[in-house]
Amino acid sequence: MGEESRDTQLPARAREILEHYLENPASADTLEGISGWRLLDAIVQRRVEETDTALRSLVAHGYLQRLAATGAAPPLYQLNTSNVDDAKRLVQRPDDN
């Protein structure tokens, strides 16, 4: 079995664990520790990326406004009050998933 086929057969969670240990080669933990908080960073990062994508979409569609902050502060997001009725209709519609 070549390296490529061995690499592509790793389940997603196994890949995350291996990446963690490659980034932190001196770490050691129990099953519970790995499940509970070692992988939390990966989950948080994924949620941040998903949230960023969602916010960009909401701004692009005019439901939210992105407010530039001053200095090094991160931008703020707020409801675009001119599209409130459209936004309400959108969230009341059954989910298309």
C-alpha atoms as a PDB file:
ATOM      1  CA  MET A   1       0.000   0.000   0.000  1.00  0.00           C
ATOM      2  CA  GLY A   2       1.548   3.340  -1.100  1.00  0.00           C
ATOM      3  CA  GLU A   3       1.613   6.503   0.967  1.00  0.00           C
ATOM      4  CA  GLU A   4      -1.096   8.178  -1.123  1.00  0.00           C
ATOM      5  CA  SER A   5      -3.648   5.377  -0.724  1.00  0.00           C
ATOM      6  CA  ARG A   6      -2.918   5.119   3.014  1.00  0.00           C
ATOM      7  CA  ASP A   7      -3.394   8.902   3.367  1.00  0.00           C
ATOM      8  CA  THR A   8      -6.700   9.072   1.496  1.00  0.00           C
ATOM      9  CA  GLN A   9      -8.219   6.279   3.574  1.00  0.00           C
ATOM     10  CA  LEU A  10      -8.062   8.184   6.865  1.00  0.00           C
ATOM     11  CA  PRO A  11     -11.475   9.142   8.233  1.00  0.00           C
ATOM     12  CA  ALA A  12     -11.889  12.878   8.839  1.00  0.00           C
ATOM     13  CA  ARG A  13     -11.654  12.571  12.643  1.00  0.00           C
ATOM     14  CA  ALA A  14      -8.496  10.442  12.405  1.00  0.00           C
ATOM     15  CA  ARG A  15      -6.947  13.078  10.146  1.00  0.00           C
ATOM     16  CA  GLU A  16      -7.812  15.818  12.691  1.00  0.00           C
ATOM     17  CA  ILE A  17      -6.218  13.840  15.520  1.00  0.00           C
ATOM     18  CA  LEU A  18      -3.102  13.130  13.492  1.00  0.00           C
ATOM     19  CA  GLU A  19      -2.811  16.798  12.483  1.00  0.00           C
ATOM     20  CA  HIS A  20      -3.060  17.770  16.151  1.00  0.00           C
ATOM     21  CA  TYR A  21      -0.250  15.411  17.137  1.00  0.00           C
ATOM     22  CA  LEU A  22       1.916  16.543  14.224  1.00  0.00           C
ATOM     23  CA  GLU A  23       1.458  20.165  15.350  1.00  0.00           C
ATOM     24  CA  ASN A  24       2.038  19.202  19.012  1.00  0.00           C
ATOM     25  CA  PRO A  25       4.461  16.246  18.924  1.00  0.00           C
ATOM     26  CA  ALA A  26       5.164  16.315  22.680  1.00  0.00           C
ATOM     27  CA  SER A  27       1.491  16.119  23.687  1.00  0.00           C
ATOM     28  CA  ALA A  28      -0.208  13.070  25.172  1.00  0.00           C
ATOM     29  CA  ASP A  29      -3.795  12.654  26.313  1.00  0.00           C
ATOM     30  CA  THR A  30      -6.561  10.167  27.056  1.00  0.00           C
ATOM     31  CA  LEU A  31      -9.465   9.311  24.786  1.00  0.00           C
ATOM     32  CA  GLU A  32     -11.698  11.564  26.867  1.00  0.00           C
ATOM     33  CA  GLY A  33      -9.188  14.415  26.758  1.00  0.00           C
ATOM     34  CA  ILE A  34      -8.792  14.196  23.004  1.00  0.00           C
ATOM     35  CA  SER A  35     -12.535  13.973  22.457  1.00  0.00           C
ATOM     36  CA  GLY A  36     -13.384  16.703  24.925  1.00  0.00           C
ATOM     37  CA  TRP A  37     -11.016  19.546  24.315  1.00  0.00           C
ATOM     38  CA  ARG A  38      -8.029  18.703  22.113  1.00  0.00           C
ATOM     39  CA  LEU A  39     -10.235  18.715  19.036  1.00  0.00           C
ATOM     40  CA  LEU A  40     -12.259  21.696  20.231  1.00  0.00           C
ATOM     41  CA  ASP A  41      -9.850  24.044  18.452  1.00  0.00           C
ATOM     42  CA  ALA A  42     -10.564  22.356  15.130  1.00  0.00           C
ATOM     43  CA  ILE A  43     -14.315  22.524  15.728  1.00  0.00           C
ATOM     44  CA  VAL A  44     -14.155  26.188  16.739  1.00  0.00           C
ATOM     45  CA  GLN A  45     -12.081  27.026  13.663  1.00  0.00           C
ATOM     46  CA  ARG A  46     -14.593  25.269  11.417  1.00  0.00           C
ATOM     47  CA  ARG A  47     -17.467  27.163  13.074  1.00  0.00           C
ATOM     48  CA  VAL A  48     -15.639  30.476  12.642  1.00  0.00           C
ATOM     49  CA  GLU A  49     -15.165  29.740   8.934  1.00  0.00           C
ATOM     50  CA  GLU A  50     -18.828  28.743   8.551  1.00  0.00           C
ATOM     51  CA  THR A  51     -19.940  31.879  10.410  1.00  0.00           C
ATOM     52  CA  ASP A  52     -17.704  34.084   8.262  1.00  0.00           C
ATOM     53  CA  THR A  53     -19.235  32.588   5.116  1.00  0.00           C
ATOM     54  CA  ALA A  54     -22.755  33.088   6.496  1.00  0.00           C
ATOM     55  CA  LEU A  55     -22.066  36.708   7.475  1.00  0.00           C
ATOM     56  CA  ARG A  56     -20.598  37.485   4.051  1.00  0.00           C
ATOM     57  CA  SER A  57     -23.715  36.030   2.430  1.00  0.00           C
ATOM     58  CA  LEU A  58     -26.068  38.006   4.671  1.00  0.00           C
ATOM     59  CA  VAL A  59     -24.173  41.229   3.919  1.00  0.00           C
ATOM     60  CA  ALA A  60     -24.104  40.467   0.175  1.00  0.00           C
ATOM     61  CA  HIS A  61     -27.877  39.899   0.181  1.00  0.00           C
ATOM     62  CA  GLY A  62     -28.467  43.117   2.128  1.00  0.00           C
ATOM     63  CA  TYR A  63     -29.845  41.581   5.330  1.00  0.00           C
ATOM     64  CA  LEU A  64     -26.920  42.706   7.496  1.00  0.00           C
ATOM     65  CA  GLN A  65     -24.574  45.664   7.358  1.00  0.00           C
ATOM     66  CA  ARG A  66     -20.862  45.340   8.038  1.00  0.00           C
ATOM     67  CA  LEU A  67     -19.620  48.330   9.989  1.00  0.00           C
ATOM     68  CA  ALA A  68     -15.950  49.183   9.741  1.00  0.00           C
ATOM     69  CA  ALA A  69     -14.388  49.605  13.147  1.00  0.00           C
ATOM     70  CA  THR A  70     -11.694  52.066  14.075  1.00  0.00           C
ATOM     71  CA  GLY A  71      -8.134  51.040  14.734  1.00  0.00           C
ATOM     72  CA  ALA A  72      -7.498  47.347  15.193  1.00  0.00           C
ATOM     73  CA  ALA A  73     -11.040  46.545  16.351  1.00  0.00           C
ATOM     74  CA  PRO A  74     -12.883  43.904  14.304  1.00  0.00           C
ATOM     75  CA  PRO A  75     -15.872  44.969  12.185  1.00  0.00           C
ATOM     76  CA  LEU A  76     -19.362  44.855  13.643  1.00  0.00           C
ATOM     77  CA  TYR A  77     -22.468  43.442  12.001  1.00  0.00           C
ATOM     78  CA  GLN A  78     -25.982  44.758  12.458  1.00  0.00           C
ATOM     79  CA  LEU A  79     -29.399  44.297  10.938  1.00  0.00           C
ATOM     80  CA  ASN A  80     -30.064  46.315   7.780  1.00  0.00           C
ATOM     81  CA  THR A  81     -33.339  47.894   8.856  1.00  0.00           C
ATOM     82  CA  SER A  82     -34.346  48.675   5.271  1.00  0.00           C
ATOM     83  CA  ASN A  83     -34.674  44.921   4.573  1.00  0.00           C
ATOM     84  CA  VAL A  84     -36.398  43.787   7.782  1.00  0.00           C
ATOM     85  CA  ASP A  85     -39.597  42.638   6.046  1.00  0.00           C
ATOM     86  CA  ASP A  86     -37.646  40.562   3.514  1.00  0.00           C
ATOM     87  CA  ALA A  87     -35.520  39.104   6.305  1.00  0.00           C
ATOM     88  CA  LYS A  88     -38.587  38.114   8.315  1.00  0.00           C
ATOM     89  CA  ARG A  89     -40.131  36.400   5.291  1.00  0.00           C
ATOM     90  CA  LEU A  90     -36.890  34.558   4.653  1.00  0.00           C
ATOM     91  CA  VAL A  91     -36.571  33.112   8.160  1.00  0.00           C
ATOM     92  CA  GLN A  92     -40.245  32.160   8.313  1.00  0.00           C
ATOM     93  CA  ARG A  93     -39.961  30.121   5.120  1.00  0.00           C
ATOM     94  CA  PRO A  94     -39.371  26.369   5.599  1.00  0.00           C
ATOM     95  CA  ASP A  95     -35.691  25.455   5.345  1.00  0.00           C
ATOM     96  CA  ASP A  96     -34.715  24.212   1.874  1.00  0.00           C
ATOM     97  CA  ASN A  97     -32.123  21.744   3.231  1.00  0.00           C
END
